[in-house]
N, C-alpha and C. Protein backbone atom coordinates (compact mmCIF):
# COMPACT_ATOMS: atom_id res chain seq x y z
N UNK A 1 -12.46 10.96 7.52
CA UNK A 1 -12.68 9.55 7.75
C UNK A 1 -12.08 9.20 9.11
N UNK A 2 -12.75 8.34 9.85
CA UNK A 2 -12.23 7.86 11.13
C UNK A 2 -12.28 6.34 11.14
N UNK A 3 -11.33 5.75 11.89
CA UNK A 3 -11.32 4.30 12.09
C UNK A 3 -10.83 4.01 13.50
N UNK A 4 -11.50 3.09 14.16
CA UNK A 4 -11.05 2.55 15.44
C UNK A 4 -10.78 1.09 15.17
N UNK A 5 -9.57 0.62 15.48
CA UNK A 5 -9.19 -0.73 15.08
C UNK A 5 -8.18 -1.33 16.04
N UNK A 6 -8.09 -2.65 16.04
CA UNK A 6 -7.08 -3.34 16.85
C UNK A 6 -5.78 -3.49 16.08
N UNK A 7 -5.85 -3.65 14.78
CA UNK A 7 -4.66 -3.88 13.97
C UNK A 7 -3.83 -2.63 13.76
N UNK A 8 -2.58 -2.84 13.42
CA UNK A 8 -1.66 -1.74 13.16
C UNK A 8 -2.05 -1.04 11.86
N UNK A 9 -1.45 0.12 11.63
CA UNK A 9 -1.62 0.85 10.38
C UNK A 9 -0.25 1.24 9.86
N UNK A 10 -0.18 1.44 8.57
CA UNK A 10 1.06 1.85 7.90
C UNK A 10 0.95 3.34 7.61
N UNK A 11 1.72 4.14 8.35
CA UNK A 11 1.64 5.60 8.22
C UNK A 11 1.88 6.03 6.78
N UNK A 12 2.92 5.51 6.14
CA UNK A 12 3.23 5.88 4.76
C UNK A 12 2.11 5.54 3.80
N UNK A 13 1.54 4.36 3.96
CA UNK A 13 0.44 3.95 3.08
C UNK A 13 -0.79 4.82 3.29
N UNK A 14 -1.07 5.19 4.53
CA UNK A 14 -2.24 6.05 4.81
C UNK A 14 -2.04 7.44 4.22
N UNK A 15 -0.83 7.99 4.36
CA UNK A 15 -0.53 9.30 3.75
C UNK A 15 -0.66 9.24 2.23
N UNK A 16 -0.12 8.19 1.63
CA UNK A 16 -0.17 8.05 0.18
C UNK A 16 -1.61 7.91 -0.32
N UNK A 17 -2.42 7.13 0.39
CA UNK A 17 -3.82 6.96 -0.01
C UNK A 17 -4.58 8.28 0.07
N UNK A 18 -4.37 9.02 1.15
CA UNK A 18 -5.04 10.31 1.29
C UNK A 18 -4.58 11.29 0.21
N UNK A 19 -3.28 11.27 -0.11
CA UNK A 19 -2.75 12.13 -1.16
C UNK A 19 -3.40 11.80 -2.51
N UNK A 20 -3.47 10.51 -2.82
CA UNK A 20 -4.09 10.09 -4.09
C UNK A 20 -5.56 10.46 -4.14
N UNK A 21 -6.27 10.27 -3.02
CA UNK A 21 -7.70 10.59 -2.97
C UNK A 21 -7.96 12.08 -3.16
N UNK A 22 -6.96 12.92 -2.85
CA UNK A 22 -7.10 14.36 -2.98
C UNK A 22 -6.99 14.86 -4.41
N UNK A 23 -6.45 14.03 -5.31
CA UNK A 23 -6.36 14.40 -6.73
C UNK A 23 -5.75 15.79 -6.96
N UNK A 24 -4.70 16.11 -6.23
CA UNK A 24 -4.01 17.38 -6.44
C UNK A 24 -4.63 18.59 -5.77
N UNK A 25 -5.71 18.41 -5.01
CA UNK A 25 -6.37 19.54 -4.35
C UNK A 25 -5.58 20.06 -3.16
N UNK A 26 -4.82 19.19 -2.49
CA UNK A 26 -4.07 19.60 -1.29
C UNK A 26 -2.71 20.15 -1.66
N UNK A 27 -2.34 21.22 -0.98
CA UNK A 27 -0.99 21.76 -1.11
C UNK A 27 -0.14 21.36 0.08
N UNK A 28 -0.79 20.82 1.12
CA UNK A 28 -0.07 20.42 2.33
C UNK A 28 -0.81 19.29 3.03
N UNK A 29 -0.03 18.39 3.59
CA UNK A 29 -0.58 17.32 4.45
C UNK A 29 0.28 17.29 5.71
N UNK A 30 -0.37 17.38 6.85
CA UNK A 30 0.31 17.35 8.14
C UNK A 30 -0.21 16.13 8.90
N UNK A 31 0.72 15.37 9.47
CA UNK A 31 0.31 14.18 10.21
C UNK A 31 0.95 14.14 11.59
N UNK A 32 0.28 13.44 12.49
CA UNK A 32 0.80 13.17 13.82
C UNK A 32 0.62 11.69 14.07
N UNK A 33 1.67 11.04 14.53
CA UNK A 33 1.60 9.62 14.90
C UNK A 33 1.95 9.49 16.37
N UNK A 34 1.05 8.93 17.14
CA UNK A 34 1.30 8.68 18.56
C UNK A 34 1.78 7.25 18.75
N UNK A 35 2.78 7.07 19.62
CA UNK A 35 3.40 5.77 19.87
C UNK A 35 3.30 5.40 21.35
N UNK A 36 3.35 4.12 21.65
CA UNK A 36 3.41 3.65 23.04
C UNK A 36 4.83 3.85 23.54
N UNK A 37 4.94 4.50 24.70
CA UNK A 37 6.26 4.69 25.32
C UNK A 37 6.53 3.56 26.31
N UNK A 38 7.81 3.31 26.55
CA UNK A 38 8.19 2.26 27.50
C UNK A 38 8.36 2.80 28.91
N UNK A 39 8.07 4.07 29.11
CA UNK A 39 8.17 4.68 30.44
C UNK A 39 7.10 5.75 30.56
N UNK A 40 6.48 5.85 31.72
CA UNK A 40 5.49 6.89 32.00
C UNK A 40 5.57 7.22 33.48
N UNK A 41 5.64 8.50 33.78
CA UNK A 41 5.72 8.97 35.17
C UNK A 41 6.87 8.29 35.91
N UNK A 42 7.96 8.02 35.19
CA UNK A 42 9.14 7.42 35.79
C UNK A 42 9.09 5.92 35.96
N UNK A 43 8.00 5.30 35.54
CA UNK A 43 7.85 3.85 35.69
C UNK A 43 7.98 3.15 34.35
N UNK A 44 8.57 1.96 34.37
CA UNK A 44 8.72 1.14 33.17
C UNK A 44 7.36 0.57 32.77
N UNK A 45 7.01 0.71 31.49
CA UNK A 45 5.74 0.22 30.97
C UNK A 45 6.04 -0.89 29.97
N UNK A 46 5.48 -2.08 30.21
CA UNK A 46 5.71 -3.19 29.28
C UNK A 46 4.55 -3.40 28.32
N UNK A 47 3.38 -2.83 28.65
CA UNK A 47 2.21 -2.96 27.79
C UNK A 47 1.21 -1.88 28.15
N UNK A 48 0.46 -1.43 27.14
CA UNK A 48 -0.64 -0.51 27.37
C UNK A 48 -1.88 -1.10 26.71
N UNK A 49 -2.95 -1.18 27.46
CA UNK A 49 -4.21 -1.67 26.93
C UNK A 49 -5.17 -0.50 26.82
N UNK A 50 -5.70 -0.29 25.63
CA UNK A 50 -6.66 0.78 25.41
C UNK A 50 -8.05 0.17 25.24
N UNK A 51 -8.97 0.67 26.03
CA UNK A 51 -10.37 0.25 25.94
C UNK A 51 -11.19 1.43 25.46
N UNK A 52 -12.35 1.13 24.88
CA UNK A 52 -13.23 2.20 24.42
C UNK A 52 -14.67 1.73 24.50
N UNK A 53 -15.57 2.65 24.26
CA UNK A 53 -17.00 2.35 24.25
C UNK A 53 -17.44 2.37 22.80
N UNK A 54 -17.58 1.20 22.16
CA UNK A 54 -17.95 1.16 20.74
C UNK A 54 -19.22 1.96 20.45
N UNK A 55 -19.20 2.65 19.37
CA UNK A 55 -20.32 3.51 19.00
C UNK A 55 -20.12 4.92 19.53
N UNK A 56 -19.93 5.05 20.82
CA UNK A 56 -19.69 6.36 21.43
C UNK A 56 -18.33 6.91 20.97
N UNK A 57 -17.34 6.06 20.91
CA UNK A 57 -16.00 6.49 20.51
C UNK A 57 -16.01 7.00 19.08
N UNK A 58 -16.60 6.26 18.18
CA UNK A 58 -16.65 6.67 16.78
C UNK A 58 -17.39 8.01 16.62
N UNK A 59 -18.49 8.18 17.36
CA UNK A 59 -19.23 9.44 17.28
C UNK A 59 -18.39 10.61 17.78
N UNK A 60 -17.63 10.39 18.85
CA UNK A 60 -16.77 11.45 19.38
C UNK A 60 -15.69 11.82 18.37
N UNK A 61 -15.08 10.81 17.73
CA UNK A 61 -14.04 11.09 16.74
C UNK A 61 -14.62 11.78 15.51
N UNK A 62 -15.81 11.37 15.08
CA UNK A 62 -16.47 12.02 13.95
C UNK A 62 -16.75 13.49 14.26
N UNK A 63 -17.17 13.77 15.49
CA UNK A 63 -17.45 15.15 15.90
C UNK A 63 -16.16 15.99 15.86
N UNK A 64 -15.07 15.44 16.36
CA UNK A 64 -13.79 16.15 16.35
C UNK A 64 -13.36 16.44 14.92
N UNK A 65 -13.47 15.44 14.06
CA UNK A 65 -13.09 15.63 12.66
C UNK A 65 -13.99 16.67 11.99
N UNK A 66 -15.27 16.62 12.27
CA UNK A 66 -16.20 17.59 11.68
C UNK A 66 -15.89 19.00 12.16
N UNK A 67 -15.56 19.15 13.44
CA UNK A 67 -15.19 20.47 13.96
C UNK A 67 -13.97 21.02 13.23
N UNK A 68 -12.98 20.17 13.01
CA UNK A 68 -11.78 20.60 12.28
C UNK A 68 -12.12 21.02 10.86
N UNK A 69 -12.98 20.24 10.21
CA UNK A 69 -13.36 20.57 8.82
C UNK A 69 -14.20 21.84 8.75
N UNK A 70 -14.89 22.17 9.82
CA UNK A 70 -15.68 23.40 9.86
C UNK A 70 -14.79 24.61 10.12
N UNK A 71 -13.80 24.46 10.99
CA UNK A 71 -12.93 25.59 11.37
C UNK A 71 -11.87 25.90 10.31
N UNK A 72 -11.41 24.89 9.59
CA UNK A 72 -10.36 25.08 8.60
C UNK A 72 -10.83 24.51 7.26
N UNK A 73 -10.31 25.04 6.18
CA UNK A 73 -10.67 24.58 4.84
C UNK A 73 -9.81 23.38 4.49
N UNK A 74 -10.24 22.21 4.94
CA UNK A 74 -9.49 20.99 4.68
C UNK A 74 -10.00 20.33 3.41
N UNK A 75 -9.07 19.73 2.69
CA UNK A 75 -9.45 18.94 1.52
C UNK A 75 -9.67 17.48 1.92
N UNK A 76 -9.10 17.08 3.07
CA UNK A 76 -9.29 15.72 3.59
C UNK A 76 -8.77 15.67 5.02
N UNK A 77 -9.25 14.67 5.75
CA UNK A 77 -8.76 14.44 7.10
C UNK A 77 -8.95 12.97 7.45
N UNK A 78 -8.15 12.52 8.40
CA UNK A 78 -8.18 11.12 8.81
C UNK A 78 -7.79 11.00 10.27
N UNK A 79 -8.54 10.20 11.02
CA UNK A 79 -8.17 9.84 12.38
C UNK A 79 -8.26 8.32 12.48
N UNK A 80 -7.15 7.69 12.85
CA UNK A 80 -7.14 6.25 13.14
C UNK A 80 -6.68 6.10 14.58
N UNK A 81 -7.43 5.35 15.37
CA UNK A 81 -7.03 5.10 16.76
C UNK A 81 -7.13 3.61 17.03
N UNK A 82 -6.07 3.07 17.61
CA UNK A 82 -6.05 1.65 17.93
C UNK A 82 -6.57 1.41 19.34
N UNK A 83 -7.10 0.20 19.55
CA UNK A 83 -7.53 -0.26 20.86
C UNK A 83 -6.97 -1.67 21.06
N UNK A 84 -7.03 -2.13 22.29
CA UNK A 84 -6.50 -3.46 22.61
C UNK A 84 -5.13 -3.35 23.27
N UNK A 85 -4.45 -4.48 23.36
CA UNK A 85 -3.13 -4.55 23.99
C UNK A 85 -2.05 -4.10 23.01
N UNK A 86 -1.24 -3.13 23.44
CA UNK A 86 -0.18 -2.59 22.62
C UNK A 86 1.14 -2.64 23.38
N UNK A 87 2.23 -2.77 22.62
CA UNK A 87 3.57 -2.86 23.20
C UNK A 87 4.33 -1.54 22.97
N UNK A 88 5.38 -1.29 23.76
CA UNK A 88 6.18 -0.10 23.52
C UNK A 88 6.62 -0.01 22.05
N UNK A 89 6.55 1.18 21.52
CA UNK A 89 6.88 1.54 20.15
C UNK A 89 5.78 1.21 19.14
N UNK A 90 4.68 0.61 19.58
CA UNK A 90 3.54 0.38 18.68
C UNK A 90 2.86 1.70 18.37
N UNK A 91 2.27 1.80 17.18
CA UNK A 91 1.43 2.93 16.82
C UNK A 91 0.15 2.89 17.64
N UNK A 92 -0.27 4.06 18.13
CA UNK A 92 -1.56 4.17 18.83
C UNK A 92 -2.55 4.95 17.98
N UNK A 93 -2.11 6.11 17.48
CA UNK A 93 -3.03 7.02 16.81
C UNK A 93 -2.34 7.68 15.63
N UNK A 94 -3.13 7.93 14.59
CA UNK A 94 -2.66 8.68 13.42
C UNK A 94 -3.72 9.73 13.10
N UNK A 95 -3.27 10.97 12.99
CA UNK A 95 -4.14 12.07 12.59
C UNK A 95 -3.50 12.75 11.38
N UNK A 96 -4.28 12.95 10.34
CA UNK A 96 -3.79 13.64 9.14
C UNK A 96 -4.79 14.72 8.75
N UNK A 97 -4.25 15.89 8.43
CA UNK A 97 -5.06 16.99 7.91
C UNK A 97 -4.44 17.44 6.59
N UNK A 98 -5.26 17.53 5.57
CA UNK A 98 -4.81 18.00 4.25
C UNK A 98 -5.56 19.28 3.92
N UNK A 99 -4.83 20.24 3.37
CA UNK A 99 -5.42 21.53 3.03
C UNK A 99 -4.67 22.13 1.86
N UNK A 100 -5.21 23.19 1.30
CA UNK A 100 -4.52 23.89 0.23
C UNK A 100 -3.26 24.57 0.75
N UNK A 101 -3.28 24.95 2.04
CA UNK A 101 -2.16 25.70 2.62
C UNK A 101 -1.71 25.06 3.93
N UNK A 102 -0.40 25.11 4.19
CA UNK A 102 0.19 24.41 5.33
C UNK A 102 -0.30 24.89 6.68
N UNK A 103 -0.53 26.19 6.85
CA UNK A 103 -0.94 26.71 8.15
C UNK A 103 -2.25 26.07 8.60
N UNK A 104 -3.21 25.98 7.70
CA UNK A 104 -4.49 25.37 8.06
C UNK A 104 -4.32 23.89 8.37
N UNK A 105 -3.47 23.20 7.62
CA UNK A 105 -3.24 21.77 7.87
C UNK A 105 -2.59 21.57 9.24
N UNK A 106 -1.59 22.39 9.57
CA UNK A 106 -0.94 22.29 10.89
C UNK A 106 -1.94 22.55 12.01
N UNK A 107 -2.70 23.62 11.89
CA UNK A 107 -3.65 23.98 12.94
C UNK A 107 -4.73 22.92 13.12
N UNK A 108 -5.24 22.39 12.02
CA UNK A 108 -6.30 21.38 12.11
C UNK A 108 -5.76 20.08 12.72
N UNK A 109 -4.56 19.68 12.33
CA UNK A 109 -3.97 18.46 12.87
C UNK A 109 -3.77 18.61 14.38
N UNK A 110 -3.21 19.75 14.80
CA UNK A 110 -2.99 19.98 16.22
C UNK A 110 -4.31 19.99 17.00
N UNK A 111 -5.32 20.64 16.44
CA UNK A 111 -6.63 20.67 17.07
C UNK A 111 -7.19 19.26 17.25
N UNK A 112 -7.13 18.45 16.19
CA UNK A 112 -7.72 17.11 16.26
C UNK A 112 -7.03 16.24 17.32
N UNK A 113 -5.70 16.23 17.36
CA UNK A 113 -5.02 15.38 18.34
C UNK A 113 -5.23 15.91 19.76
N UNK A 114 -5.16 17.23 19.94
CA UNK A 114 -5.37 17.79 21.28
C UNK A 114 -6.78 17.52 21.78
N UNK A 115 -7.77 17.68 20.92
CA UNK A 115 -9.16 17.47 21.31
C UNK A 115 -9.43 15.99 21.56
N UNK A 116 -8.87 15.14 20.71
CA UNK A 116 -9.02 13.70 20.88
C UNK A 116 -8.51 13.26 22.26
N UNK A 117 -7.37 13.81 22.68
CA UNK A 117 -6.76 13.42 23.95
C UNK A 117 -7.65 13.75 25.14
N UNK A 118 -8.50 14.76 25.02
CA UNK A 118 -9.33 15.17 26.16
C UNK A 118 -10.80 14.78 26.03
N UNK A 119 -11.30 14.54 24.81
CA UNK A 119 -12.73 14.33 24.63
C UNK A 119 -13.15 12.95 24.13
N UNK A 120 -12.23 12.20 23.56
CA UNK A 120 -12.61 10.87 23.05
C UNK A 120 -12.62 9.86 24.20
N UNK A 121 -13.63 9.01 24.24
CA UNK A 121 -13.74 8.05 25.36
C UNK A 121 -12.85 6.82 25.18
N UNK A 122 -11.58 7.00 25.56
CA UNK A 122 -10.62 5.90 25.59
C UNK A 122 -10.12 5.79 27.03
N UNK A 123 -9.87 4.55 27.46
CA UNK A 123 -9.32 4.31 28.78
C UNK A 123 -8.04 3.52 28.61
N UNK A 124 -6.97 3.98 29.29
CA UNK A 124 -5.66 3.36 29.15
C UNK A 124 -5.25 2.68 30.45
N UNK A 125 -4.79 1.44 30.31
CA UNK A 125 -4.27 0.71 31.46
C UNK A 125 -2.84 0.29 31.12
N UNK A 126 -1.91 0.64 32.00
CA UNK A 126 -0.50 0.30 31.81
C UNK A 126 -0.13 -0.92 32.63
N UNK A 127 0.72 -1.76 32.04
CA UNK A 127 1.29 -2.90 32.77
C UNK A 127 2.70 -2.51 33.18
N UNK A 128 2.95 -2.55 34.48
CA UNK A 128 4.22 -2.19 35.08
C UNK A 128 4.82 -3.43 35.74
N UNK A 129 6.09 -3.40 36.15
CA UNK A 129 6.67 -4.56 36.83
C UNK A 129 5.89 -4.99 38.08
N UNK A 130 5.28 -4.03 38.78
CA UNK A 130 4.56 -4.35 40.01
C UNK A 130 3.06 -4.54 39.83
N UNK A 131 2.57 -4.51 38.61
CA UNK A 131 1.13 -4.71 38.37
C UNK A 131 0.62 -3.79 37.28
N UNK A 132 -0.67 -3.44 37.37
CA UNK A 132 -1.29 -2.57 36.37
C UNK A 132 -1.85 -1.32 37.05
N UNK A 133 -2.05 -0.28 36.24
CA UNK A 133 -2.69 0.94 36.73
C UNK A 133 -3.42 1.60 35.57
N UNK A 134 -4.52 2.26 35.91
CA UNK A 134 -5.26 3.04 34.94
C UNK A 134 -4.61 4.41 34.84
N UNK A 135 -4.57 4.94 33.64
CA UNK A 135 -3.95 6.24 33.39
C UNK A 135 -5.05 7.29 33.31
N UNK A 136 -4.95 8.31 34.12
CA UNK A 136 -5.90 9.41 34.08
C UNK A 136 -5.64 10.23 32.82
N UNK A 137 -6.70 10.80 32.21
CA UNK A 137 -6.49 11.65 31.03
C UNK A 137 -5.49 12.76 31.34
N UNK A 138 -4.54 12.96 30.46
CA UNK A 138 -3.53 13.99 30.64
C UNK A 138 -2.40 13.58 31.58
N UNK A 139 -2.42 12.36 32.12
CA UNK A 139 -1.41 11.92 33.06
C UNK A 139 -0.12 11.48 32.40
N UNK A 140 -0.18 11.05 31.15
CA UNK A 140 1.04 10.59 30.47
C UNK A 140 2.01 11.75 30.34
N UNK A 141 3.24 11.51 30.77
CA UNK A 141 4.26 12.57 30.67
C UNK A 141 5.61 11.96 30.45
């Protein structure tokens, strides 16, 4: 399942819902939560705005999730990505992979977040004390 949304998400509630939906089929659930940092490339960041191309973004996320489900035997998976104006420490992204065994869940989760960072059409703009700047993919450090 994938969701692109402006509102926040509750990591614990999402994990619990996925666990319940699995009805005991999963032996492992691995999650990754991405947060807005207050510093990037040595500069103070007061806000990050994420833009996307509706329709195209969802298709890209669905493709990533499908690839993970094809490569690993997952019992469930979830990708939630936020868009809009976000503040430092806000949730940006949640990726969960559930599988019978932990190794597959870890590998699938890592694959989904790594692939999402390079292939999903999101654009990030940071607000700094001296103005705004667009962030190139892979530039956050």
